[in-house]
Amino acid sequence: MTPIGVPDTPELAAPYPFPVVLEVQGLMEPEHFGKLPEAMAALLTVVGTLPLSPDQQDYFVELFGPSEEQAIGRRLATHGEVRALAFLDLTPTVVRLYPTDPGTAQ
């Protein structure tokens, strides 16, 4: 039995606190962040400077916007990383988020 006021589903659980690494292939070296929201904000800043189509920009905002923190945290915890592709002209560029400590993901 779950105590009153304590969420009993993963969807309502607290944010995943583990540190993460953000990497944009060919554009930025892996950068460590203490908290997932900081990494997601930095990712959107970096992607915002790229010459992407409006559709691609919207895709990244939808995937990595602040409202997606719980979903990204769950993916990191269960799959060990989150990847997306940005197309610069016809060249795919991999954008990755993953836990700093590979043992963190479950």
Protein backbone atom coordinates (compact mmCIF):
# COMPACT_ATOMS: atom_id res chain seq x y z
CA MET A 1 0.00 0.00 0.00
CA THR A 2 1.34 3.42 -0.97
CA PRO A 3 1.21 6.16 1.70
CA ILE A 4 -1.11 9.08 0.94
CA GLY A 5 0.56 11.72 -1.21
CA VAL A 6 3.32 9.40 -2.46
CA PRO A 7 3.14 8.58 -6.16
CA ASP A 8 3.02 4.86 -6.94
CA THR A 9 3.58 5.02 -10.68
CA PRO A 10 6.82 5.81 -12.53
CA GLU A 11 5.01 8.52 -14.51
CA LEU A 12 4.55 10.52 -11.30
CA ALA A 13 7.91 9.75 -9.70
CA ALA A 14 10.46 12.44 -8.88
CA PRO A 15 12.82 13.57 -11.68
CA TYR A 16 15.87 11.44 -12.31
CA PRO A 17 18.66 13.21 -10.45
CA PHE A 18 21.70 11.50 -11.93
CA PRO A 19 24.26 13.59 -13.84
CA VAL A 20 24.20 13.32 -17.62
CA VAL A 21 26.44 13.93 -20.61
CA LEU A 22 25.37 15.85 -23.70
CA GLU A 23 27.17 15.19 -26.96
CA VAL A 24 26.58 16.61 -30.45
CA GLN A 25 28.62 14.60 -32.95
CA GLY A 26 31.21 16.71 -34.72
CA LEU A 27 30.03 19.97 -33.15
CA MET A 28 30.69 19.73 -29.43
CA GLU A 29 32.73 17.49 -27.20
CA PRO A 30 30.82 15.54 -24.55
CA GLU A 31 29.82 17.96 -21.79
CA HIS A 32 28.87 16.88 -18.27
CA PHE A 33 25.83 18.32 -16.47
CA GLY A 34 24.84 17.78 -12.85
CA LYS A 35 21.12 17.73 -13.63
CA LEU A 36 19.03 16.59 -16.56
CA PRO A 37 17.11 19.91 -17.00
CA GLU A 38 20.42 21.78 -17.40
CA ALA A 39 21.56 19.36 -20.12
CA MET A 40 18.22 19.57 -21.93
CA ALA A 41 18.33 23.38 -21.89
CA ALA A 42 21.91 23.33 -23.21
CA LEU A 43 20.90 20.89 -25.93
CA LEU A 44 18.13 23.20 -27.10
CA THR A 45 20.55 26.15 -27.08
CA VAL A 46 23.09 24.26 -29.19
CA VAL A 47 20.47 22.96 -31.59
CA GLY A 48 19.02 26.47 -31.85
CA THR A 49 22.32 27.70 -33.30
CA LEU A 50 22.36 25.08 -36.05
CA PRO A 51 21.06 25.81 -39.54
CA LEU A 52 18.09 23.46 -39.22
CA SER A 53 14.72 23.67 -40.89
CA PRO A 54 11.84 25.01 -38.78
CA ASP A 55 10.42 21.46 -38.68
CA GLN A 56 13.67 20.10 -37.24
CA GLN A 57 13.85 22.91 -34.69
CA ASP A 58 10.27 22.14 -33.62
CA TYR A 59 11.12 18.43 -33.38
CA PHE A 60 13.95 19.10 -30.93
CA VAL A 61 11.85 21.48 -28.86
CA GLU A 62 9.09 18.88 -28.69
CA LEU A 63 11.50 16.04 -27.82
CA PHE A 64 13.77 17.89 -25.35
CA GLY A 65 11.60 20.74 -24.04
CA PRO A 66 11.21 21.27 -20.28
CA SER A 67 7.88 19.40 -20.21
CA GLU A 68 9.67 16.24 -21.39
CA GLU A 69 12.06 15.96 -18.43
CA GLN A 70 10.24 12.98 -16.91
CA ALA A 71 10.01 11.13 -20.24
CA ILE A 72 13.69 11.71 -21.05
CA GLY A 73 14.66 10.69 -17.50
CA ARG A 74 12.71 7.44 -17.83
CA ARG A 75 14.36 6.69 -21.17
CA LEU A 76 17.79 7.34 -19.71
CA ALA A 77 17.05 5.11 -16.74
CA THR A 78 15.68 2.25 -18.83
CA HIS A 79 17.66 2.47 -22.08
CA GLY A 80 20.89 4.16 -20.98
CA GLU A 81 20.77 6.96 -23.54
CA VAL A 82 18.55 9.12 -25.72
CA ARG A 83 19.57 9.83 -29.32
CA ALA A 84 18.17 12.07 -32.00
CA LEU A 85 19.34 13.06 -35.47
CA ALA A 86 19.77 16.59 -36.76
CA PHE A 87 20.27 16.91 -40.51
CA LEU A 88 22.73 19.61 -41.51
CA ASP A 89 22.18 19.74 -45.25
CA LEU A 90 22.17 16.02 -45.99
CA THR A 91 24.58 15.07 -43.21
CA PRO A 92 23.04 13.36 -40.18
CA THR A 93 24.39 14.64 -36.86
CA VAL A 94 23.83 12.49 -33.79
CA VAL A 95 22.70 14.25 -30.62
CA ARG A 96 23.08 12.09 -27.49
CA LEU A 97 22.19 12.33 -23.81
CA TYR A 98 23.41 9.60 -21.47
CA PRO A 99 24.13 9.15 -17.75
CA THR A 100 27.61 10.19 -16.59
CA ASP A 101 27.98 6.86 -14.81
CA PRO A 102 26.90 3.99 -17.08
CA GLY A 103 25.96 2.05 -13.94
CA THR A 104 23.23 4.63 -13.19
CA ALA A 105 20.84 3.40 -15.85
CA GLN A 106 18.63 0.53 -14.75
